N, C-alpha and C. Protein backbone atom coordinates (compact mmCIF):
# COMPACT_ATOMS: atom_id res chain seq x y z
N MET A 1 0.54 -1.04 0.17
CA MET A 1 0.25 -0.04 -0.03
C MET A 1 1.15 1.29 0.27
N PRO A 2 0.73 2.33 -1.02
CA PRO A 2 1.49 3.28 -1.13
C PRO A 2 1.25 4.46 0.19
N LYS A 3 2.53 5.00 0.79
CA LYS A 3 2.21 6.03 1.32
C LYS A 3 1.76 7.15 1.06
N PHE A 4 1.03 7.86 1.69
CA PHE A 4 0.25 9.08 0.89
C PHE A 4 1.08 10.07 0.55
N MET A 5 1.29 10.51 -0.44
CA MET A 5 2.41 11.77 -1.15
C MET A 5 3.39 11.30 -2.08
N SER A 6 3.48 9.63 -1.69
CA SER A 6 4.66 9.09 -2.07
C SER A 6 4.60 9.29 -3.91
N GLU A 7 5.84 9.05 -4.43
CA GLU A 7 5.77 8.70 -5.65
C GLU A 7 4.64 8.27 -6.45
N GLU A 8 4.76 7.07 -5.67
CA GLU A 8 3.91 5.68 -5.82
C GLU A 8 2.36 6.28 -5.65
N TRP A 9 2.07 6.60 -4.90
CA TRP A 9 0.30 7.34 -4.30
C TRP A 9 0.16 8.07 -5.55
N LEU A 10 1.11 9.41 -5.64
CA LEU A 10 0.98 10.47 -6.78
C LEU A 10 0.67 9.94 -8.14
N ASN A 11 0.99 9.07 -8.54
CA ASN A 11 0.98 8.41 -9.70
C ASN A 11 -0.22 7.38 -9.77
N LEU A 12 -0.59 6.77 -8.74
CA LEU A 12 -1.74 6.05 -8.82
C LEU A 12 -3.17 7.60 -8.90
N TYR A 13 -2.80 8.23 -8.17
CA TYR A 13 -4.06 9.29 -7.96
C TYR A 13 -3.99 10.41 -9.22
N GLU A 14 -2.82 10.45 -10.09
CA GLU A 14 -2.82 10.50 -11.55
C GLU A 14 -3.78 9.92 -12.65
N LYS A 15 -3.65 8.50 -12.45
CA LYS A 15 -4.50 7.81 -13.40
C LYS A 15 -5.78 7.46 -13.32
N ALA A 16 -6.14 7.65 -11.72
CA ALA A 16 -7.54 7.51 -10.91
C ALA A 16 -7.95 8.89 -11.67
N LEU A 17 -7.37 9.91 -11.21
CA LEU A 17 -8.36 11.37 -11.82
C LEU A 17 -8.47 11.59 -12.81
N ASN A 18 -7.58 11.00 -14.03
CA ASN A 18 -7.68 10.61 -15.54
C ASN A 18 -8.67 10.00 -15.69
N SER A 19 -9.00 9.33 -14.95
CA SER A 19 -10.23 8.07 -15.44
C SER A 19 -11.74 8.45 -14.98
N ASN A 20 -11.87 9.54 -14.14
CA ASN A 20 -12.75 10.33 -13.31
C ASN A 20 -13.65 11.30 -14.24
N GLU A 21 -14.86 10.75 -14.85
CA GLU A 21 -15.70 11.39 -16.11
C GLU A 21 -15.70 11.99 -15.10
N ALA A 22 -16.58 12.48 -13.74
CA ALA A 22 -17.25 13.49 -13.09
C ALA A 22 -16.29 14.56 -12.73
N TYR A 23 -15.08 13.88 -12.54
CA TYR A 23 -13.69 15.36 -12.11
C TYR A 23 -13.62 16.09 -13.74
N ALA A 24 -13.23 15.21 -14.77
CA ALA A 24 -13.23 16.22 -16.06
C ALA A 24 -14.48 17.13 -16.40
N LYS A 25 -15.87 16.41 -16.08
CA LYS A 25 -16.72 17.48 -16.16
C LYS A 25 -16.66 18.77 -15.60
N ALA A 26 -16.19 18.68 -14.13
CA ALA A 26 -16.52 19.91 -13.29
C ALA A 26 -15.47 20.74 -13.43
N ALA A 27 -14.19 20.05 -13.81
CA ALA A 27 -13.09 20.83 -14.16
C ALA A 27 -12.84 20.92 -15.27
N SER A 28 -13.66 21.16 -16.30
CA SER A 28 -13.66 21.42 -17.83
C SER A 28 -12.87 22.93 -17.76
N TRP A 29 -13.37 23.65 -17.14
CA TRP A 29 -12.94 24.93 -17.28
C TRP A 29 -11.57 25.27 -16.53
N TRP A 30 -11.18 24.64 -15.89
CA TRP A 30 -10.19 24.76 -14.84
C TRP A 30 -8.99 24.65 -15.30
N THR A 31 -7.88 25.75 -14.94
CA THR A 31 -6.46 25.59 -14.96
C THR A 31 -6.05 26.44 -13.78
N GLY A 32 -4.72 25.54 -13.31
CA GLY A 32 -4.23 26.09 -12.23
C GLY A 32 -3.54 24.93 -11.41
N ASP A 33 -2.39 24.52 -11.67
CA ASP A 33 -1.45 23.80 -10.89
C ASP A 33 -1.52 23.75 -9.40
N PHE A 34 -1.31 22.98 -8.51
CA PHE A 34 -1.32 23.02 -7.20
C PHE A 34 -0.25 22.37 -6.55
N VAL A 35 0.37 22.59 -5.29
CA VAL A 35 1.53 21.99 -4.66
C VAL A 35 0.69 21.81 -3.16
N PHE A 36 0.17 20.46 -3.08
CA PHE A 36 -0.38 20.22 -1.60
C PHE A 36 0.75 19.91 -1.05
N ILE A 37 0.29 20.22 0.28
CA ILE A 37 1.40 20.45 1.57
C ILE A 37 0.57 19.94 2.33
N VAL A 38 1.57 18.54 3.05
CA VAL A 38 1.26 18.22 4.24
C VAL A 38 1.91 18.39 5.34
N ARG A 39 1.95 18.99 6.33
CA ARG A 39 2.17 19.73 7.48
C ARG A 39 2.80 18.58 8.72
N ALA A 40 3.64 18.52 9.41
CA ALA A 40 3.93 17.51 10.20
C ALA A 40 3.08 17.65 11.32
N SER A 41 2.38 16.23 11.80
CA SER A 41 1.70 16.47 13.09
C SER A 41 0.98 14.56 13.24
N GLY A 42 0.76 14.37 14.36
CA GLY A 42 0.34 13.05 14.62
C GLY A 42 1.74 12.37 14.44
N ASN A 43 1.43 11.01 13.47
CA ASN A 43 3.15 10.29 13.10
C ASN A 43 3.56 10.67 12.38
N LEU A 44 3.71 11.78 11.18
CA LEU A 44 4.23 12.50 10.25
C LEU A 44 5.17 13.30 11.54
N ASP A 45 6.67 13.32 10.90
CA ASP A 45 7.45 14.10 11.81
C ASP A 45 8.28 15.25 10.91
N HIS A 46 7.70 15.11 9.63
CA HIS A 46 8.22 16.37 8.49
C HIS A 46 6.91 16.45 7.74
N ASP A 47 7.58 17.56 6.91
CA ASP A 47 6.41 17.94 5.98
C ASP A 47 6.81 17.43 4.63
N ILE A 48 5.98 16.83 4.01
CA ILE A 48 5.46 16.44 2.66
C ILE A 48 4.95 17.28 2.00
N MET A 49 5.27 16.99 0.47
CA MET A 49 4.45 18.23 -0.39
C MET A 49 4.54 17.19 -2.10
N GLY A 50 3.22 17.65 -2.75
CA GLY A 50 3.38 17.14 -4.13
C GLY A 50 2.68 17.87 -5.00
N PHE A 51 3.21 17.97 -6.12
CA PHE A 51 3.05 18.69 -7.27
C PHE A 51 1.58 18.12 -8.23
N ILE A 52 0.66 18.83 -7.98
CA ILE A 52 -0.74 17.90 -9.03
C ILE A 52 -0.87 19.21 -10.31
N GLY A 53 -0.60 18.82 -11.29
CA GLY A 53 -0.94 19.72 -12.55
C GLY A 53 -2.47 19.43 -12.85
N LEU A 54 -3.07 20.02 -12.97
CA LEU A 54 -4.20 20.32 -13.44
C LEU A 54 -4.60 21.21 -14.31
N THR A 55 -5.60 20.70 -15.56
CA THR A 55 -6.33 21.79 -16.40
C THR A 55 -6.85 21.15 -17.52
N HIS A 56 -8.18 21.76 -17.36
CA HIS A 56 -9.34 21.37 -18.15
C HIS A 56 -9.78 19.95 -18.10
N GLY A 57 -9.75 19.74 -16.64
CA GLY A 57 -10.35 18.15 -16.32
C GLY A 57 -9.69 16.86 -16.19
N LYS A 58 -8.31 17.54 -16.82
CA LYS A 58 -7.15 16.55 -16.55
C LYS A 58 -6.06 16.85 -15.61
N CYS A 59 -5.55 15.68 -15.10
CA CYS A 59 -4.14 15.89 -14.54
C CYS A 59 -3.12 15.69 -15.33
N THR A 60 -2.45 17.05 -15.59
CA THR A 60 -0.96 16.72 -16.60
C THR A 60 0.19 16.44 -16.05
N GLY A 61 0.18 15.78 -14.82
CA GLY A 61 1.27 15.35 -14.24
C GLY A 61 1.51 15.62 -12.50
N VAL A 62 2.29 14.65 -12.23
CA VAL A 62 2.16 14.48 -10.52
C VAL A 62 3.98 14.62 -10.37
N LYS A 63 4.47 14.87 -8.77
CA LYS A 63 5.65 15.04 -8.75
C LYS A 63 5.70 15.06 -7.48
N PRO A 64 6.38 14.06 -6.21
CA PRO A 64 6.66 14.72 -5.02
C PRO A 64 7.68 15.71 -5.11
N ILE A 65 7.47 16.17 -4.08
CA ILE A 65 8.60 17.90 -3.96
C ILE A 65 9.52 17.68 -2.77
N SER A 66 10.71 17.65 -2.73
CA SER A 66 11.42 17.48 -1.37
C SER A 66 11.88 18.78 -0.81
N SER A 67 11.91 18.87 0.52
CA SER A 67 12.55 20.02 0.88
C SER A 67 13.46 20.86 0.07
N GLU A 68 14.31 20.26 -0.48
CA GLU A 68 15.25 20.91 -1.12
C GLU A 68 14.60 21.93 -2.61
N ASP A 69 13.71 21.18 -3.17
CA ASP A 69 13.10 22.11 -4.74
C ASP A 69 12.29 23.25 -3.70
N GLU A 70 12.48 24.01 -4.97
CA GLU A 70 11.80 25.37 -4.59
C GLU A 70 10.71 25.28 -5.87
N PHE A 71 9.44 26.30 -4.96
CA PHE A 71 8.55 26.51 -5.84
C PHE A 71 8.04 27.70 -5.40
N GLU A 72 7.05 28.16 -6.24
CA GLU A 72 6.70 30.00 -6.44
C GLU A 72 5.25 30.05 -6.62
N VAL A 73 4.28 30.09 -6.10
CA VAL A 73 3.27 30.46 -6.50
C VAL A 73 2.99 31.87 -7.42
N VAL A 74 2.76 31.66 -8.55
CA VAL A 74 2.44 32.95 -9.63
C VAL A 74 0.61 32.96 -9.93
N ALA A 75 0.36 34.17 -10.01
CA ALA A 75 -0.99 34.37 -10.48
C ALA A 75 -1.36 34.41 -11.97
N PRO A 76 -2.36 33.73 -12.78
CA PRO A 76 -2.49 33.61 -14.02
C PRO A 76 -1.76 34.90 -14.88
N GLY A 77 -1.07 34.69 -15.71
CA GLY A 77 -0.54 35.76 -16.18
C GLY A 77 0.73 36.34 -16.09
N LYS A 78 1.45 36.09 -14.87
CA LYS A 78 2.25 36.63 -14.43
C LYS A 78 3.81 35.75 -14.61
N SER A 79 4.66 36.27 -14.72
CA SER A 79 6.43 35.20 -14.59
C SER A 79 6.52 34.82 -13.53
N PRO A 80 7.23 33.78 -13.67
CA PRO A 80 8.14 33.39 -12.55
C PRO A 80 9.17 34.30 -12.14
N THR A 81 9.91 34.25 -10.90
CA THR A 81 11.09 35.08 -10.51
C THR A 81 12.38 34.40 -11.11
N SER A 82 12.07 33.03 -11.25
CA SER A 82 13.14 32.04 -11.86
C SER A 82 12.94 31.08 -12.52
N PRO A 83 13.37 30.84 -14.10
CA PRO A 83 12.63 29.55 -14.44
C PRO A 83 13.07 28.06 -14.00
N ASP A 84 14.02 28.03 -12.58
CA ASP A 84 14.14 26.73 -11.79
C ASP A 84 13.30 26.58 -10.74
N LYS A 85 12.50 27.38 -10.68
CA LYS A 85 11.50 27.14 -9.63
C LYS A 85 10.16 26.25 -10.20
N ILE A 86 9.84 25.46 -9.56
CA ILE A 86 8.12 24.79 -9.81
C ILE A 86 7.59 25.95 -9.62
N THR A 87 6.36 26.20 -10.61
CA THR A 87 5.33 27.05 -10.73
C THR A 87 4.18 26.65 -10.65
N VAL A 88 3.28 26.97 -9.45
CA VAL A 88 2.24 26.83 -9.73
C VAL A 88 1.18 28.08 -9.15
N GLU A 89 -0.43 27.80 -9.56
CA GLU A 89 -1.24 28.82 -8.88
C GLU A 89 -1.43 28.73 -7.65
N TYR A 90 -1.17 27.70 -7.26
CA TYR A 90 -2.07 27.23 -5.73
C TYR A 90 -1.45 26.74 -4.71
N THR A 91 -1.49 26.50 -3.48
CA THR A 91 -0.70 25.62 -2.80
C THR A 91 -2.31 25.74 -1.81
N TYR A 92 -2.40 23.97 -1.50
CA TYR A 92 -3.41 23.68 -0.09
C TYR A 92 -2.52 23.34 0.56
N GLU A 93 -2.89 23.99 1.92
CA GLU A 93 -2.03 23.20 3.13
C GLU A 93 -2.66 22.57 4.18
N ALA A 94 -2.19 21.83 5.10
CA ALA A 94 -2.89 21.49 6.08
C ALA A 94 -2.29 20.46 6.86
N ASN A 95 -2.21 20.47 8.18
CA ASN A 95 -1.51 19.23 9.02
C ASN A 95 -2.26 17.69 8.59
N HIS A 96 -1.20 16.66 8.56
CA HIS A 96 -1.47 15.54 8.44
C HIS A 96 -2.50 14.71 8.58
N ASP A 97 -2.88 15.21 10.21
CA ASP A 97 -4.07 14.65 10.88
C ASP A 97 -5.53 15.16 9.81
N THR A 98 -5.57 16.78 9.65
CA THR A 98 -6.38 16.76 9.00
C THR A 98 -6.61 16.50 7.24
N TRP A 99 -5.56 16.00 6.87
CA TRP A 99 -5.40 15.89 5.67
C TRP A 99 -6.30 14.20 5.51
N ILE A 100 -5.49 13.59 6.55
CA ILE A 100 -6.47 11.77 7.11
C ILE A 100 -7.70 12.14 6.78
N LYS A 101 -8.14 13.16 7.71
CA LYS A 101 -9.62 13.53 7.44
C LYS A 101 -10.78 13.67 6.11
N ILE A 102 -9.59 14.72 5.61
CA ILE A 102 -9.97 15.13 3.88
C ILE A 102 -10.06 14.20 3.24
N ILE A 103 -8.91 13.38 3.10
CA ILE A 103 -8.61 11.72 2.44
C ILE A 103 -9.91 10.58 2.45
N ASN A 104 -10.02 10.37 3.59
CA ASN A 104 -11.11 9.81 4.33
C ASN A 104 -12.56 9.80 4.33
N GLY A 105 -12.45 10.93 3.70
CA GLY A 105 -14.02 11.87 3.55
C GLY A 105 -14.89 11.99 4.51
N GLU A 106 -13.93 12.24 5.76
CA GLU A 106 -14.73 12.76 6.76
C GLU A 106 -14.76 14.75 7.12
N LEU A 107 -13.82 15.21 6.18
CA LEU A 107 -13.89 16.40 6.17
C LEU A 107 -13.88 16.94 5.02
N ASP A 108 -14.84 18.10 4.64
CA ASP A 108 -14.78 18.78 3.21
C ASP A 108 -13.60 19.42 2.87
N PRO A 109 -12.76 19.63 1.89
CA PRO A 109 -11.65 20.45 1.67
C PRO A 109 -12.36 21.98 1.61
N ILE A 110 -13.35 22.29 1.66
CA ILE A 110 -13.59 23.72 1.42
C ILE A 110 -13.93 24.27 2.50
N ARG A 111 -14.70 23.17 3.67
CA ARG A 111 -15.17 23.48 5.02
C ARG A 111 -13.72 23.77 5.85
N SER A 112 -13.08 23.04 5.42
CA SER A 112 -11.67 22.80 5.97
C SER A 112 -10.84 24.17 5.57
N LEU A 113 -11.15 25.08 4.56
CA LEU A 113 -10.68 26.07 4.47
C LEU A 113 -11.24 27.14 5.11
N LEU A 114 -12.60 27.09 4.94
CA LEU A 114 -13.44 28.20 5.74
C LEU A 114 -13.27 27.96 7.50
N SER A 115 -13.19 26.82 7.70
CA SER A 115 -12.75 26.71 9.22
C SER A 115 -11.29 26.93 9.67
N GLY A 116 -10.57 27.45 8.80
CA GLY A 116 -9.15 27.29 9.16
C GLY A 116 -8.15 26.40 9.70
N LYS A 117 -8.75 25.10 9.18
CA LYS A 117 -8.04 23.84 9.54
C LYS A 117 -6.97 23.46 8.53
N ALA A 118 -7.36 24.24 7.00
CA ALA A 118 -6.54 24.26 6.19
C ALA A 118 -6.19 25.57 5.33
N ARG A 119 -5.16 25.88 4.61
CA ARG A 119 -5.12 27.23 4.12
C ARG A 119 -4.63 27.18 2.43
N ILE A 120 -5.07 28.21 1.99
CA ILE A 120 -4.93 28.28 0.28
C ILE A 120 -4.18 29.26 -0.14
N GLN A 121 -3.50 29.39 -0.91
CA GLN A 121 -2.71 30.09 -1.60
C GLN A 121 -2.71 30.21 -2.99
N GLY A 122 -3.54 31.76 -2.95
CA GLY A 122 -3.68 31.69 -4.75
C GLY A 122 -5.43 32.23 -4.78
N GLU A 123 -5.57 32.24 -5.84
CA GLU A 123 -7.15 33.15 -6.11
C GLU A 123 -7.93 32.52 -5.43
N MET A 124 -8.96 32.65 -4.05
CA MET A 124 -9.58 32.20 -3.62
C MET A 124 -11.09 32.13 -4.36
N ALA A 125 -11.35 32.94 -4.84
CA ALA A 125 -12.23 33.33 -5.81
C ALA A 125 -13.02 32.21 -6.61
N LYS A 126 -11.52 32.18 -7.46
CA LYS A 126 -11.79 30.73 -8.47
C LYS A 126 -11.97 29.20 -7.58
N VAL A 127 -11.26 29.25 -6.61
CA VAL A 127 -11.04 27.98 -5.87
C VAL A 127 -12.85 27.67 -5.44
N LEU A 128 -13.16 28.69 -4.81
CA LEU A 128 -14.98 29.08 -4.27
C LEU A 128 -15.92 28.10 -5.49
N LYS A 129 -15.24 28.48 -6.24
CA LYS A 129 -16.26 28.64 -7.71
C LYS A 129 -16.13 26.74 -8.36
N ALA A 130 -14.97 26.03 -7.92
CA ALA A 130 -14.67 24.98 -8.07
C ALA A 130 -15.02 24.08 -7.61
N THR A 131 -16.16 24.22 -6.32
CA THR A 131 -16.43 23.06 -5.22
C THR A 131 -16.63 21.72 -5.74
N ASP A 132 -17.35 21.47 -6.87
CA ASP A 132 -17.31 20.53 -7.20
C ASP A 132 -16.35 19.19 -7.91
N ALA A 133 -15.51 20.33 -8.32
CA ALA A 133 -14.11 19.61 -8.85
C ALA A 133 -13.48 19.27 -7.68
N ALA A 134 -13.40 20.13 -6.69
CA ALA A 134 -12.73 19.51 -5.23
C ALA A 134 -13.09 18.73 -4.64
N LYS A 135 -14.69 18.65 -4.76
CA LYS A 135 -15.05 17.21 -4.18
C LYS A 135 -14.57 15.79 -4.87
N GLU A 136 -14.91 16.23 -6.16
CA GLU A 136 -14.29 15.20 -7.10
C GLU A 136 -12.75 14.80 -6.89
N LEU A 137 -12.08 15.94 -6.49
CA LEU A 137 -10.48 15.66 -6.14
C LEU A 137 -10.61 14.57 -5.01
N VAL A 138 -11.39 14.90 -3.95
CA VAL A 138 -11.33 14.36 -2.80
C VAL A 138 -11.64 12.70 -2.72
N ARG A 139 -12.78 12.70 -3.48
CA ARG A 139 -13.28 11.51 -3.94
C ARG A 139 -12.36 10.44 -4.42
N THR A 140 -11.80 10.88 -5.32
CA THR A 140 -10.77 10.22 -6.27
C THR A 140 -10.02 9.86 -5.33
N ALA A 141 -9.29 10.55 -4.62
CA ALA A 141 -8.03 10.09 -3.39
C ALA A 141 -8.73 8.97 -2.65
N THR A 142 -9.83 8.87 -2.29
CA THR A 142 -10.11 8.16 -1.45
C THR A 142 -10.40 6.64 -2.08
N LEU A 143 -10.58 6.40 -3.51
CA LEU A 143 -10.41 5.29 -4.05
C LEU A 143 -9.00 4.52 -4.07
N ILE A 144 -7.70 5.15 -3.57
CA ILE A 144 -6.67 4.70 -3.59
C ILE A 144 -6.12 4.20 -1.99
N GLU A 145 -6.21 2.82 -1.98
CA GLU A 145 -5.45 2.22 -0.60
C GLU A 145 -4.34 2.99 -0.58
N THR A 146 -4.53 3.75 0.73
CA THR A 146 -3.36 4.58 1.44
C THR A 146 -2.74 4.53 2.62
N GLU A 147 -1.79 4.41 2.66
CA GLU A 147 -1.04 4.22 4.41
C GLU A 147 -0.50 5.50 4.58
N PHE A 148 -1.06 5.79 5.48
CA PHE A 148 -0.68 7.30 6.39
C PHE A 148 0.40 6.99 7.37
N TYR A 149 1.23 8.27 8.07
CA TYR A 149 2.04 7.90 8.46
C TYR A 149 2.10 7.89 9.85
């Protein structure tokens, strides 16, 4: 069973997401890559991160991000400050215990933002228009047998 946000888990997630017709429909208009940030808590003693490329209802790529990798949140139409950095429009950040609840379907990802259990960096108004897509992102993750830390 793959560990959450490992390369194996991310590859399974990409495959599952690209097979999800409900996600493809809900996110057909969406453009904006994410870095998902899992902060140390509970049994996880270090932060972990994963890049998720999302464009027009498809996952365009995934990659675990190490603490040495640099990434930058760049608004649509803006240029990154360095070509060496991974550029995304959004980060979604929560502690490990909160992520477990989200992935297990016990906590809605949008409600977790509104309650302060998760944080997002990027254009929040666009995210709030994509609640159906967000729910499908989570539902897809629940289909993967996942070992948490």
